[in-house]
Amino acid sequence: MILCNRLKERRAALNVNQQEMGRLCGVSRQTISFIERGVYAPSVTLALTIAKVCGVAVEEVFYLKEEEENGK
């Protein structure tokens, strides 16, 4: 399973940039960027914090996707 996210869309809905989202969540702009690009999987605490800042359930920001098998 792959952890995917809708953080960029949720952040846009709040009309905040990565820097401001990082400040609201207590992390750096780079952390927000890494999460949005799927380079970094946040801790449960950070995922819940992000969801709270966005005003939605954590499942509205983060979700699991099945890995596709090669050749299918």
N, C-alpha and C. Protein backbone atom coordinates (compact mmCIF):
# COMPACT_ATOMS: atom_id res chain seq x y z
N MET A 1 0.84 -1.18 0.00
CA MET A 1 0.00 0.00 0.00
C MET A 1 0.89 1.25 0.00
N ILE A 2 0.41 2.26 -0.66
CA ILE A 2 1.13 3.53 -0.77
C ILE A 2 0.30 4.61 -0.09
N LEU A 3 0.96 5.43 0.73
CA LEU A 3 0.28 6.55 1.37
C LEU A 3 0.22 7.71 0.38
N CYS A 4 -0.98 8.14 0.06
CA CYS A 4 -1.19 9.28 -0.83
C CYS A 4 -1.85 10.41 -0.05
N ASN A 5 -1.86 11.60 -0.64
CA ASN A 5 -2.48 12.70 0.09
C ASN A 5 -3.09 13.73 -0.86
N ARG A 6 -3.98 14.51 -0.27
CA ARG A 6 -4.63 15.62 -0.96
C ARG A 6 -4.24 16.94 -0.27
N LEU A 7 -3.05 16.97 0.30
CA LEU A 7 -2.64 18.13 1.08
C LEU A 7 -2.59 19.40 0.23
N LYS A 8 -2.06 19.30 -0.97
CA LYS A 8 -1.97 20.49 -1.82
C LYS A 8 -3.36 21.08 -2.09
N GLU A 9 -4.33 20.22 -2.37
CA GLU A 9 -5.69 20.68 -2.63
C GLU A 9 -6.32 21.30 -1.37
N ARG A 10 -6.12 20.64 -0.23
CA ARG A 10 -6.66 21.17 1.03
C ARG A 10 -6.01 22.49 1.40
N ARG A 11 -4.72 22.59 1.16
CA ARG A 11 -3.99 23.83 1.45
C ARG A 11 -4.50 24.95 0.55
N ALA A 12 -4.74 24.64 -0.71
CA ALA A 12 -5.26 25.63 -1.65
C ALA A 12 -6.65 26.11 -1.23
N ALA A 13 -7.46 25.18 -0.72
CA ALA A 13 -8.81 25.54 -0.27
C ALA A 13 -8.74 26.52 0.91
N LEU A 14 -7.68 26.42 1.69
CA LEU A 14 -7.49 27.35 2.81
C LEU A 14 -6.81 28.64 2.38
N ASN A 15 -6.34 28.65 1.13
CA ASN A 15 -5.64 29.81 0.58
C ASN A 15 -4.37 30.15 1.38
N VAL A 16 -3.60 29.09 1.71
CA VAL A 16 -2.32 29.29 2.39
C VAL A 16 -1.21 28.64 1.59
N ASN A 17 -0.02 29.22 1.67
CA ASN A 17 1.13 28.64 0.98
C ASN A 17 1.80 27.60 1.88
N GLN A 18 2.82 26.94 1.35
CA GLN A 18 3.50 25.90 2.11
C GLN A 18 4.13 26.46 3.39
N GLN A 19 4.68 27.64 3.31
CA GLN A 19 5.30 28.27 4.48
C GLN A 19 4.28 28.45 5.60
N GLU A 20 3.13 28.99 5.26
CA GLU A 20 2.09 29.24 6.26
C GLU A 20 1.53 27.93 6.80
N MET A 21 1.33 26.94 5.94
CA MET A 21 0.84 25.64 6.40
C MET A 21 1.84 25.02 7.36
N GLY A 22 3.11 25.12 7.04
CA GLY A 22 4.13 24.61 7.93
C GLY A 22 4.08 25.30 9.29
N ARG A 23 3.92 26.60 9.28
CA ARG A 23 3.84 27.36 10.54
C ARG A 23 2.64 26.91 11.35
N LEU A 24 1.49 26.76 10.70
CA LEU A 24 0.27 26.34 11.39
C LEU A 24 0.39 24.94 11.98
N CYS A 25 1.19 24.10 11.34
CA CYS A 25 1.34 22.71 11.78
C CYS A 25 2.58 22.48 12.63
N GLY A 26 3.42 23.50 12.77
CA GLY A 26 4.63 23.36 13.58
C GLY A 26 5.77 22.64 12.91
N VAL A 27 5.80 22.71 11.57
CA VAL A 27 6.89 22.09 10.80
C VAL A 27 7.40 23.08 9.77
N SER A 28 8.44 22.70 9.05
CA SER A 28 9.02 23.59 8.04
C SER A 28 8.23 23.54 6.73
N ARG A 29 8.48 24.52 5.89
CA ARG A 29 7.91 24.54 4.54
C ARG A 29 8.37 23.31 3.78
N GLN A 30 9.63 22.92 3.98
CA GLN A 30 10.17 21.75 3.28
C GLN A 30 9.42 20.48 3.65
N THR A 31 9.04 20.35 4.91
CA THR A 31 8.27 19.17 5.33
C THR A 31 6.94 19.11 4.60
N ILE A 32 6.26 20.24 4.51
CA ILE A 32 4.99 20.28 3.77
C ILE A 32 5.21 19.92 2.31
N SER A 33 6.26 20.45 1.72
CA SER A 33 6.58 20.13 0.33
C SER A 33 6.85 18.64 0.15
N PHE A 34 7.64 18.05 1.04
CA PHE A 34 7.96 16.63 0.96
C PHE A 34 6.71 15.77 1.10
N ILE A 35 5.81 16.14 2.00
CA ILE A 35 4.57 15.39 2.17
C ILE A 35 3.73 15.48 0.91
N GLU A 36 3.57 16.68 0.37
CA GLU A 36 2.76 16.87 -0.85
C GLU A 36 3.30 16.05 -2.01
N ARG A 37 4.62 15.94 -2.12
CA ARG A 37 5.23 15.20 -3.23
C ARG A 37 5.31 13.70 -2.96
N GLY A 38 4.92 13.27 -1.76
CA GLY A 38 4.97 11.85 -1.44
C GLY A 38 6.35 11.35 -1.09
N VAL A 39 7.27 12.26 -0.82
CA VAL A 39 8.64 11.91 -0.47
C VAL A 39 8.73 11.52 1.00
N TYR A 40 7.85 12.08 1.81
CA TYR A 40 7.87 11.89 3.26
C TYR A 40 6.48 11.52 3.76
N ALA A 41 6.42 10.45 4.55
CA ALA A 41 5.16 10.06 5.18
C ALA A 41 5.14 10.64 6.60
N PRO A 42 4.18 11.48 6.91
CA PRO A 42 4.16 12.11 8.22
C PRO A 42 3.83 11.12 9.34
N SER A 43 4.23 11.48 10.54
CA SER A 43 3.84 10.69 11.71
C SER A 43 2.33 10.80 11.87
N VAL A 44 1.77 9.92 12.67
CA VAL A 44 0.34 9.97 12.94
C VAL A 44 -0.01 11.32 13.57
N THR A 45 0.82 11.77 14.49
CA THR A 45 0.58 13.06 15.15
C THR A 45 0.54 14.20 14.15
N LEU A 46 1.51 14.23 13.24
CA LEU A 46 1.54 15.30 12.24
C LEU A 46 0.36 15.18 11.28
N ALA A 47 0.02 13.97 10.86
CA ALA A 47 -1.13 13.77 9.96
C ALA A 47 -2.42 14.28 10.61
N LEU A 48 -2.60 13.98 11.89
CA LEU A 48 -3.79 14.46 12.61
C LEU A 48 -3.77 15.97 12.76
N THR A 49 -2.59 16.54 12.99
CA THR A 49 -2.46 17.99 13.11
C THR A 49 -2.81 18.67 11.80
N ILE A 50 -2.30 18.13 10.70
CA ILE A 50 -2.60 18.69 9.38
C ILE A 50 -4.10 18.65 9.12
N ALA A 51 -4.72 17.51 9.40
CA ALA A 51 -6.17 17.39 9.20
C ALA A 51 -6.92 18.40 10.05
N LYS A 52 -6.50 18.57 11.29
CA LYS A 52 -7.16 19.53 12.18
C LYS A 52 -7.03 20.95 11.64
N VAL A 53 -5.85 21.32 11.18
CA VAL A 53 -5.63 22.65 10.60
C VAL A 53 -6.52 22.84 9.37
N CYS A 54 -6.68 21.78 8.59
CA CYS A 54 -7.54 21.84 7.39
C CYS A 54 -9.02 21.78 7.73
N GLY A 55 -9.34 21.40 8.96
CA GLY A 55 -10.74 21.33 9.38
C GLY A 55 -11.50 20.14 8.83
N VAL A 56 -10.76 19.05 8.57
CA VAL A 56 -11.38 17.85 8.01
C VAL A 56 -10.87 16.61 8.74
N ALA A 57 -11.51 15.47 8.48
CA ALA A 57 -11.02 14.20 9.02
C ALA A 57 -9.71 13.83 8.33
N VAL A 58 -8.88 13.10 9.02
CA VAL A 58 -7.58 12.73 8.46
C VAL A 58 -7.72 11.99 7.14
N GLU A 59 -8.81 11.20 6.98
CA GLU A 59 -9.02 10.46 5.73
C GLU A 59 -9.33 11.38 4.55
N GLU A 60 -9.70 12.62 4.83
CA GLU A 60 -9.93 13.58 3.75
C GLU A 60 -8.62 14.12 3.19
N VAL A 61 -7.54 13.98 3.95
CA VAL A 61 -6.22 14.46 3.51
C VAL A 61 -5.34 13.29 3.07
N PHE A 62 -5.33 12.22 3.85
CA PHE A 62 -4.45 11.07 3.59
C PHE A 62 -5.28 9.82 3.30
N TYR A 63 -4.79 9.02 2.35
CA TYR A 63 -5.46 7.77 2.01
C TYR A 63 -4.45 6.76 1.49
N LEU A 64 -4.81 5.49 1.56
CA LEU A 64 -3.95 4.41 1.08
C LEU A 64 -4.39 3.98 -0.31
N LYS A 65 -3.41 3.67 -1.14
CA LYS A 65 -3.67 3.21 -2.49
C LYS A 65 -2.92 1.90 -2.71
N GLU A 66 -3.58 0.95 -3.32
CA GLU A 66 -2.94 -0.33 -3.63
C GLU A 66 -1.78 -0.10 -4.60
N GLU A 67 -0.69 -0.83 -4.36
CA GLU A 67 0.41 -0.77 -5.31
C GLU A 67 0.04 -1.59 -6.54
N GLU A 68 0.32 -1.03 -7.70
CA GLU A 68 0.02 -1.75 -8.93
C GLU A 68 1.13 -2.74 -9.22
N GLU A 69 0.73 -3.94 -9.62
CA GLU A 69 1.73 -4.97 -9.94
C GLU A 69 2.28 -4.69 -11.33
N ASN A 70 3.56 -5.05 -11.53
CA ASN A 70 4.20 -4.86 -12.84
C ASN A 70 3.50 -5.69 -13.89
N GLY A 71 3.29 -5.12 -15.04
CA GLY A 71 2.71 -5.84 -16.15
C GLY A 71 1.19 -5.88 -16.16
N LYS A 72 0.54 -5.19 -15.24
CA LYS A 72 -0.92 -5.20 -15.21
C LYS A 72 -1.46 -3.82 -15.39
